[in-house]
Amino acid sequence: MDIDESVIGKTSEIQQFIVEEAAILAFARAIGDQHPLYTDRDIARAYGYPAIVAPPTFPTTFRFAYPPVPYEPSRSIHGEQEYRYERPIVAGDVLICLSRVVGVKVRHGKLGKMTLLTTEIRGADPEGRLVFTGVSTVILR
């Protein structure tokens, strides 16, 4: 699937997410990680956090609006994901998020031509301080 490099820089609409304690607990249970920082308020507070901490891959639970790039989802596969943090996400956080296309690359593999579409999601607190950045690559065929 061909996507023109002119989509680089396109952004989604701004979205707000409220991080709920129940969502963190359910996510920790779902991934099988019962680390006390993710499940116990008292322990999290003892370590200086205002509430339980979200596991590092927690932003995968956010349903982001992606930048307007025309492609057929049934011809795509998730290729790569990474997160970088300025500080941990904790229960009660309000995160203001924006997604932006940062790369389009064409590669040739065993099954032929493919396009790698890379987006970056930035999540900030209501004061505009960056909390996390997520970079995701989708493989389009």
N, C-alpha and C. Protein backbone atom coordinates (compact mmCIF):
# COMPACT_ATOMS: atom_id res chain seq x y z
N MET A 1 0.84 -1.17 0.00
CA MET A 1 0.00 0.00 0.00
C MET A 1 0.89 1.24 0.00
N ASP A 2 0.65 2.12 -0.92
CA ASP A 2 1.45 3.33 -1.03
C ASP A 2 0.82 4.47 -0.23
N ILE A 3 1.65 5.11 0.55
CA ILE A 3 1.25 6.32 1.26
C ILE A 3 2.31 7.36 0.96
N ASP A 4 1.87 8.50 0.51
CA ASP A 4 2.78 9.58 0.15
C ASP A 4 3.40 10.20 1.40
N GLU A 5 4.66 10.58 1.31
CA GLU A 5 5.35 11.21 2.45
C GLU A 5 4.74 12.55 2.85
N SER A 6 3.83 13.07 2.05
CA SER A 6 3.20 14.34 2.40
C SER A 6 2.34 14.24 3.66
N VAL A 7 2.06 13.01 4.13
CA VAL A 7 1.28 12.85 5.36
C VAL A 7 2.13 13.12 6.61
N ILE A 8 3.45 13.14 6.45
CA ILE A 8 4.32 13.41 7.60
C ILE A 8 3.99 14.79 8.15
N GLY A 9 3.77 14.84 9.45
CA GLY A 9 3.40 16.08 10.12
C GLY A 9 1.91 16.22 10.39
N LYS A 10 1.08 15.42 9.73
CA LYS A 10 -0.35 15.48 9.99
C LYS A 10 -0.61 15.06 11.44
N THR A 11 -1.60 15.70 12.06
CA THR A 11 -1.90 15.41 13.46
C THR A 11 -3.37 15.02 13.64
N SER A 12 -3.61 14.37 14.75
CA SER A 12 -4.97 14.01 15.15
C SER A 12 -5.58 15.20 15.88
N GLU A 13 -6.82 15.03 16.26
CA GLU A 13 -7.42 15.99 17.18
C GLU A 13 -6.84 15.73 18.57
N ILE A 14 -6.85 16.74 19.42
CA ILE A 14 -6.39 16.59 20.79
C ILE A 14 -7.43 15.78 21.56
N GLN A 15 -6.95 14.84 22.38
CA GLN A 15 -7.83 14.01 23.19
C GLN A 15 -7.41 14.06 24.64
N GLN A 16 -8.37 13.94 25.52
CA GLN A 16 -8.10 13.92 26.96
C GLN A 16 -8.45 12.55 27.51
N PHE A 17 -7.56 12.02 28.35
CA PHE A 17 -7.78 10.74 29.03
C PHE A 17 -7.65 10.95 30.53
N ILE A 18 -8.58 10.39 31.27
CA ILE A 18 -8.51 10.41 32.73
C ILE A 18 -8.09 9.00 33.15
N VAL A 19 -6.99 8.91 33.88
CA VAL A 19 -6.44 7.62 34.29
C VAL A 19 -7.14 7.20 35.59
N GLU A 20 -7.91 6.15 35.49
CA GLU A 20 -8.67 5.66 36.64
C GLU A 20 -7.93 4.52 37.33
N GLU A 21 -8.01 4.51 38.66
CA GLU A 21 -7.36 3.45 39.43
C GLU A 21 -7.86 2.07 38.99
N ALA A 22 -9.17 1.94 38.79
CA ALA A 22 -9.72 0.64 38.39
C ALA A 22 -9.13 0.16 37.06
N ALA A 23 -8.87 1.08 36.15
CA ALA A 23 -8.27 0.72 34.85
C ALA A 23 -6.84 0.22 35.04
N ILE A 24 -6.09 0.87 35.93
CA ILE A 24 -4.71 0.41 36.19
C ILE A 24 -4.74 -0.98 36.82
N LEU A 25 -5.60 -1.18 37.80
CA LEU A 25 -5.70 -2.49 38.45
C LEU A 25 -6.09 -3.57 37.45
N ALA A 26 -7.07 -3.29 36.58
CA ALA A 26 -7.50 -4.27 35.58
C ALA A 26 -6.39 -4.56 34.59
N PHE A 27 -5.65 -3.54 34.18
CA PHE A 27 -4.56 -3.74 33.23
C PHE A 27 -3.44 -4.57 33.86
N ALA A 28 -3.07 -4.25 35.09
CA ALA A 28 -2.02 -5.02 35.78
C ALA A 28 -2.43 -6.49 35.90
N ARG A 29 -3.69 -6.70 36.21
CA ARG A 29 -4.19 -8.09 36.31
C ARG A 29 -4.14 -8.77 34.94
N ALA A 30 -4.55 -8.05 33.91
CA ALA A 30 -4.60 -8.62 32.56
C ALA A 30 -3.22 -9.02 32.04
N ILE A 31 -2.19 -8.23 32.39
CA ILE A 31 -0.84 -8.56 31.91
C ILE A 31 -0.09 -9.47 32.89
N GLY A 32 -0.73 -9.78 34.00
CA GLY A 32 -0.13 -10.69 34.96
C GLY A 32 1.00 -10.07 35.78
N ASP A 33 0.94 -8.75 35.97
CA ASP A 33 1.99 -8.07 36.74
C ASP A 33 1.35 -7.42 37.97
N GLN A 34 1.50 -8.07 39.08
CA GLN A 34 0.90 -7.59 40.33
C GLN A 34 1.92 -6.85 41.21
N HIS A 35 2.85 -6.15 40.57
CA HIS A 35 3.82 -5.36 41.32
C HIS A 35 3.05 -4.44 42.27
N PRO A 36 3.48 -4.32 43.52
CA PRO A 36 2.72 -3.53 44.49
C PRO A 36 2.56 -2.06 44.12
N LEU A 37 3.47 -1.48 43.34
CA LEU A 37 3.28 -0.09 42.91
C LEU A 37 2.06 0.05 42.01
N TYR A 38 1.69 -1.04 41.33
CA TYR A 38 0.55 -1.03 40.41
C TYR A 38 -0.76 -1.41 41.10
N THR A 39 -0.67 -1.95 42.32
CA THR A 39 -1.86 -2.53 42.94
C THR A 39 -2.15 -2.07 44.37
N ASP A 40 -1.20 -1.43 45.02
CA ASP A 40 -1.36 -1.11 46.45
C ASP A 40 -1.11 0.38 46.69
N ARG A 41 -2.18 1.11 47.01
CA ARG A 41 -2.07 2.57 47.24
C ARG A 41 -1.06 2.91 48.33
N ASP A 42 -1.10 2.17 49.42
CA ASP A 42 -0.22 2.48 50.54
C ASP A 42 1.26 2.32 50.16
N ILE A 43 1.57 1.27 49.44
CA ILE A 43 2.96 1.07 49.02
C ILE A 43 3.37 2.15 48.03
N ALA A 44 2.49 2.47 47.08
CA ALA A 44 2.80 3.54 46.12
C ALA A 44 3.08 4.85 46.84
N ARG A 45 2.26 5.16 47.82
CA ARG A 45 2.45 6.41 48.59
C ARG A 45 3.75 6.35 49.41
N ALA A 46 4.06 5.17 49.94
CA ALA A 46 5.30 5.02 50.71
C ALA A 46 6.53 5.29 49.84
N TYR A 47 6.40 5.06 48.55
CA TYR A 47 7.50 5.33 47.61
C TYR A 47 7.41 6.73 47.01
N GLY A 48 6.49 7.55 47.52
CA GLY A 48 6.42 8.95 47.10
C GLY A 48 5.47 9.26 45.97
N TYR A 49 4.67 8.29 45.54
CA TYR A 49 3.69 8.54 44.48
C TYR A 49 2.36 8.94 45.11
N PRO A 50 1.59 9.79 44.45
CA PRO A 50 0.31 10.21 45.02
C PRO A 50 -0.78 9.14 44.92
N ALA A 51 -0.57 8.13 44.10
CA ALA A 51 -1.55 7.06 43.88
C ALA A 51 -0.82 5.90 43.23
N ILE A 52 -1.58 4.81 42.93
CA ILE A 52 -0.91 3.68 42.28
C ILE A 52 -0.36 4.11 40.92
N VAL A 53 0.68 3.42 40.51
CA VAL A 53 1.41 3.74 39.27
C VAL A 53 0.92 2.81 38.16
N ALA A 54 0.81 3.35 36.96
CA ALA A 54 0.42 2.53 35.80
C ALA A 54 1.63 1.77 35.27
N PRO A 55 1.45 0.51 34.88
CA PRO A 55 2.55 -0.22 34.24
C PRO A 55 3.01 0.52 32.98
N PRO A 56 4.25 0.29 32.56
CA PRO A 56 4.82 1.05 31.44
C PRO A 56 4.05 0.98 30.12
N THR A 57 3.36 -0.11 29.86
CA THR A 57 2.63 -0.21 28.59
C THR A 57 1.16 0.21 28.71
N PHE A 58 0.79 0.82 29.82
CA PHE A 58 -0.60 1.22 30.06
C PHE A 58 -1.20 2.11 28.96
N PRO A 59 -0.45 3.02 28.35
CA PRO A 59 -1.08 3.85 27.30
C PRO A 59 -1.65 3.05 26.13
N THR A 60 -1.31 1.77 26.01
CA THR A 60 -1.93 0.97 24.94
C THR A 60 -3.43 0.85 25.16
N THR A 61 -3.91 1.12 26.37
CA THR A 61 -5.35 1.06 26.64
C THR A 61 -6.09 2.30 26.16
N PHE A 62 -5.37 3.38 25.87
CA PHE A 62 -6.00 4.60 25.38
C PHE A 62 -6.43 4.38 23.93
N ARG A 63 -7.61 4.77 23.57
CA ARG A 63 -8.09 4.67 22.19
C ARG A 63 -7.85 6.01 21.51
N PHE A 64 -6.68 6.11 20.90
CA PHE A 64 -6.26 7.35 20.27
C PHE A 64 -6.96 7.57 18.94
N ALA A 65 -7.23 8.81 18.64
CA ALA A 65 -7.63 9.19 17.28
C ALA A 65 -6.32 9.41 16.54
N TYR A 66 -6.15 8.71 15.44
CA TYR A 66 -4.90 8.83 14.69
C TYR A 66 -5.02 9.90 13.64
N PRO A 67 -3.89 10.42 13.18
CA PRO A 67 -3.93 11.43 12.13
C PRO A 67 -4.65 10.90 10.90
N PRO A 68 -5.24 11.79 10.13
CA PRO A 68 -5.98 11.35 8.94
C PRO A 68 -5.06 10.87 7.83
N VAL A 69 -4.84 9.56 7.79
CA VAL A 69 -4.01 8.93 6.76
C VAL A 69 -4.86 7.81 6.15
N PRO A 70 -5.13 7.87 4.85
CA PRO A 70 -6.00 6.85 4.25
C PRO A 70 -5.26 5.52 4.03
N TYR A 71 -5.71 4.49 4.75
CA TYR A 71 -5.23 3.13 4.48
C TYR A 71 -6.28 2.15 4.95
N GLU A 72 -6.19 0.96 4.43
CA GLU A 72 -7.15 -0.09 4.75
C GLU A 72 -6.65 -0.86 5.97
N PRO A 73 -7.34 -0.72 7.13
CA PRO A 73 -6.87 -1.40 8.36
C PRO A 73 -6.72 -2.91 8.21
N SER A 74 -7.53 -3.54 7.36
CA SER A 74 -7.43 -4.99 7.21
C SER A 74 -6.14 -5.40 6.51
N ARG A 75 -5.41 -4.43 5.95
CA ARG A 75 -4.15 -4.73 5.28
C ARG A 75 -2.97 -4.19 6.09
N SER A 76 -3.17 -4.09 7.41
CA SER A 76 -2.12 -3.56 8.28
C SER A 76 -1.86 -4.51 9.44
N ILE A 77 -0.66 -4.37 9.99
CA ILE A 77 -0.28 -5.15 11.17
C ILE A 77 0.59 -4.24 12.04
N HIS A 78 0.42 -4.37 13.35
CA HIS A 78 1.21 -3.58 14.28
C HIS A 78 2.65 -4.08 14.23
N GLY A 79 3.59 -3.19 13.99
CA GLY A 79 4.98 -3.60 13.84
C GLY A 79 5.84 -3.37 15.06
N GLU A 80 5.68 -2.22 15.71
CA GLU A 80 6.59 -1.87 16.80
C GLU A 80 5.94 -0.81 17.68
N GLN A 81 6.30 -0.83 18.96
CA GLN A 81 5.77 0.16 19.92
C GLN A 81 6.84 0.43 20.96
N GLU A 82 6.99 1.70 21.30
CA GLU A 82 7.89 2.04 22.41
C GLU A 82 7.32 3.24 23.16
N TYR A 83 7.62 3.30 24.45
CA TYR A 83 7.19 4.42 25.28
C TYR A 83 8.40 5.00 25.99
N ARG A 84 8.40 6.32 26.12
CA ARG A 84 9.39 7.04 26.92
C ARG A 84 8.63 7.90 27.91
N TYR A 85 9.15 7.98 29.13
CA TYR A 85 8.44 8.68 30.20
C TYR A 85 9.29 9.79 30.79
N GLU A 86 8.64 10.91 31.06
CA GLU A 86 9.25 11.99 31.84
C GLU A 86 8.98 11.74 33.32
N ARG A 87 7.86 11.09 33.58
CA ARG A 87 7.48 10.66 34.93
C ARG A 87 6.45 9.56 34.78
N PRO A 88 6.26 8.74 35.81
CA PRO A 88 5.26 7.68 35.70
C PRO A 88 3.84 8.25 35.60
N ILE A 89 2.98 7.51 34.96
CA ILE A 89 1.55 7.81 34.95
C ILE A 89 0.97 7.22 36.24
N VAL A 90 0.13 7.99 36.92
CA VAL A 90 -0.49 7.52 38.16
C VAL A 90 -2.00 7.70 38.08
N ALA A 91 -2.70 6.93 38.92
CA ALA A 91 -4.16 7.05 38.99
C ALA A 91 -4.53 8.50 39.31
N GLY A 92 -5.53 8.99 38.61
CA GLY A 92 -5.97 10.37 38.81
C GLY A 92 -5.39 11.34 37.80
N ASP A 93 -4.37 10.92 37.07
CA ASP A 93 -3.80 11.81 36.04
C ASP A 93 -4.84 12.14 34.98
N VAL A 94 -4.76 13.36 34.50
CA VAL A 94 -5.50 13.79 33.32
C VAL A 94 -4.43 14.03 32.26
N LEU A 95 -4.54 13.33 31.15
CA LEU A 95 -3.52 13.42 30.10
C LEU A 95 -4.14 13.98 28.82
N ILE A 96 -3.49 14.98 28.28
CA ILE A 96 -3.90 15.61 27.03
C ILE A 96 -2.97 15.04 25.96
N CYS A 97 -3.55 14.38 24.96
CA CYS A 97 -2.75 13.64 23.99
C CYS A 97 -2.99 14.10 22.56
N LEU A 98 -1.92 14.02 21.78
CA LEU A 98 -1.95 14.38 20.36
C LEU A 98 -1.09 13.37 19.62
N SER A 99 -1.59 12.89 18.50
CA SER A 99 -0.85 11.94 17.66
C SER A 99 -0.42 12.64 16.38
N ARG A 100 0.79 12.30 15.92
CA ARG A 100 1.35 12.95 14.74
C ARG A 100 2.10 11.92 13.90
N VAL A 101 1.96 12.01 12.59
CA VAL A 101 2.73 11.14 11.69
C VAL A 101 4.17 11.65 11.66
N VAL A 102 5.12 10.76 11.95
CA VAL A 102 6.53 11.17 11.96
C VAL A 102 7.37 10.46 10.91
N GLY A 103 6.80 9.45 10.24
CA GLY A 103 7.61 8.76 9.23
C GLY A 103 6.80 7.87 8.31
N VAL A 104 7.26 7.81 7.07
CA VAL A 104 6.72 6.89 6.07
C VAL A 104 7.93 6.33 5.33
N LYS A 105 8.06 5.00 5.35
CA LYS A 105 9.18 4.35 4.65
C LYS A 105 8.66 3.17 3.86
N VAL A 106 9.21 2.98 2.69
CA VAL A 106 8.87 1.83 1.87
C VAL A 106 10.01 0.83 1.98
N ARG A 107 9.66 -0.43 2.21
CA ARG A 107 10.64 -1.51 2.31
C ARG A 107 10.19 -2.66 1.42
N HIS A 108 11.15 -3.50 1.08
CA HIS A 108 10.84 -4.70 0.31
C HIS A 108 11.25 -5.90 1.13
N GLY A 109 10.33 -6.83 1.29
CA GLY A 109 10.59 -8.04 2.05
C GLY A 109 10.30 -9.28 1.22
N LYS A 110 10.28 -10.41 1.87
CA LYS A 110 10.04 -11.69 1.18
C LYS A 110 8.69 -11.71 0.47
N LEU A 111 7.72 -11.01 1.04
CA LEU A 111 6.38 -11.01 0.46
C LEU A 111 6.12 -9.79 -0.42
N GLY A 112 7.15 -9.02 -0.68
CA GLY A 112 7.00 -7.87 -1.56
C GLY A 112 7.09 -6.53 -0.84
N LYS A 113 6.55 -5.55 -1.50
CA LYS A 113 6.62 -4.17 -1.01
C LYS A 113 5.71 -3.95 0.18
N MET A 114 6.19 -3.16 1.15
CA MET A 114 5.39 -2.78 2.31
C MET A 114 5.74 -1.35 2.69
N THR A 115 4.79 -0.70 3.35
CA THR A 115 5.00 0.67 3.82
C THR A 115 4.98 0.65 5.34
N LEU A 116 5.95 1.31 5.94
CA LEU A 116 6.00 1.44 7.39
C LEU A 116 5.54 2.86 7.74
N LEU A 117 4.43 2.95 8.46
CA LEU A 117 3.86 4.22 8.87
C LEU A 117 4.13 4.40 10.36
N THR A 118 4.87 5.45 10.71
CA THR A 118 5.24 5.67 12.11
C THR A 118 4.54 6.92 12.65
N THR A 119 3.90 6.74 13.80
CA THR A 119 3.23 7.85 14.47
C THR A 119 3.82 8.03 15.86
N GLU A 120 3.74 9.25 16.35
CA GLU A 120 4.20 9.58 17.70
C GLU A 120 3.02 10.15 18.47
N ILE A 121 2.82 9.67 19.67
CA ILE A 121 1.78 10.18 20.55
C ILE A 121 2.45 10.84 21.74
N ARG A 122 2.06 12.06 22.01
CA ARG A 122 2.60 12.79 23.15
C ARG A 122 1.48 13.03 24.14
N GLY A 123 1.73 12.66 25.40
CA GLY A 123 0.75 12.86 26.46
C GLY A 123 1.31 13.84 27.48
N ALA A 124 0.57 14.90 27.74
CA ALA A 124 1.01 15.93 28.68
C ALA A 124 -0.04 16.12 29.76
N ASP A 125 0.37 16.72 30.87
CA ASP A 125 -0.60 17.05 31.91
C ASP A 125 -1.34 18.34 31.50
N PRO A 126 -2.38 18.73 32.24
CA PRO A 126 -3.15 19.91 31.84
C PRO A 126 -2.32 21.22 31.82
N GLU A 127 -1.18 21.23 32.51
CA GLU A 127 -0.31 22.41 32.49
C GLU A 127 0.64 22.39 31.30
N GLY A 128 0.57 21.34 30.49
CA GLY A 128 1.41 21.25 29.30
C GLY A 128 2.74 20.55 29.49
N ARG A 129 3.00 20.01 30.68
CA ARG A 129 4.26 19.30 30.92
C ARG A 129 4.16 17.89 30.34
N LEU A 130 5.15 17.52 29.52
CA LEU A 130 5.16 16.21 28.88
C LEU A 130 5.26 15.11 29.94
N VAL A 131 4.41 14.09 29.82
CA VAL A 131 4.42 12.94 30.71
C VAL A 131 5.01 11.73 29.98
N PHE A 132 4.53 11.47 28.76
CA PHE A 132 5.04 10.33 28.01
C PHE A 132 5.00 10.60 26.51
N THR A 133 5.82 9.84 25.80
CA THR A 133 5.82 9.83 24.34
C THR A 133 5.75 8.38 23.92
N GLY A 134 4.87 8.08 22.99
CA GLY A 134 4.77 6.74 22.44
C GLY A 134 5.03 6.79 20.94
N VAL A 135 5.82 5.86 20.46
CA VAL A 135 6.11 5.78 19.03
C VAL A 135 5.63 4.41 18.56
N SER A 136 4.81 4.42 17.51
CA SER A 136 4.22 3.19 17.00
C SER A 136 4.44 3.09 15.49
N THR A 137 4.77 1.90 15.04
CA THR A 137 4.94 1.66 13.61
C THR A 137 3.95 0.60 13.16
N VAL A 138 3.22 0.91 12.11
CA VAL A 138 2.26 0.00 11.50
C VAL A 138 2.81 -0.40 10.13
N ILE A 139 2.71 -1.69 9.82
CA ILE A 139 3.17 -2.20 8.53
C ILE A 139 1.95 -2.35 7.63
N LEU A 140 2.01 -1.70 6.49
CA LEU A 140 0.90 -1.71 5.54
C LEU A 140 1.30 -2.50 4.30
N ARG A 141 0.42 -3.36 3.83
CA ARG A 141 0.70 -4.19 2.64
C ARG A 141 -0.35 -3.92 1.59
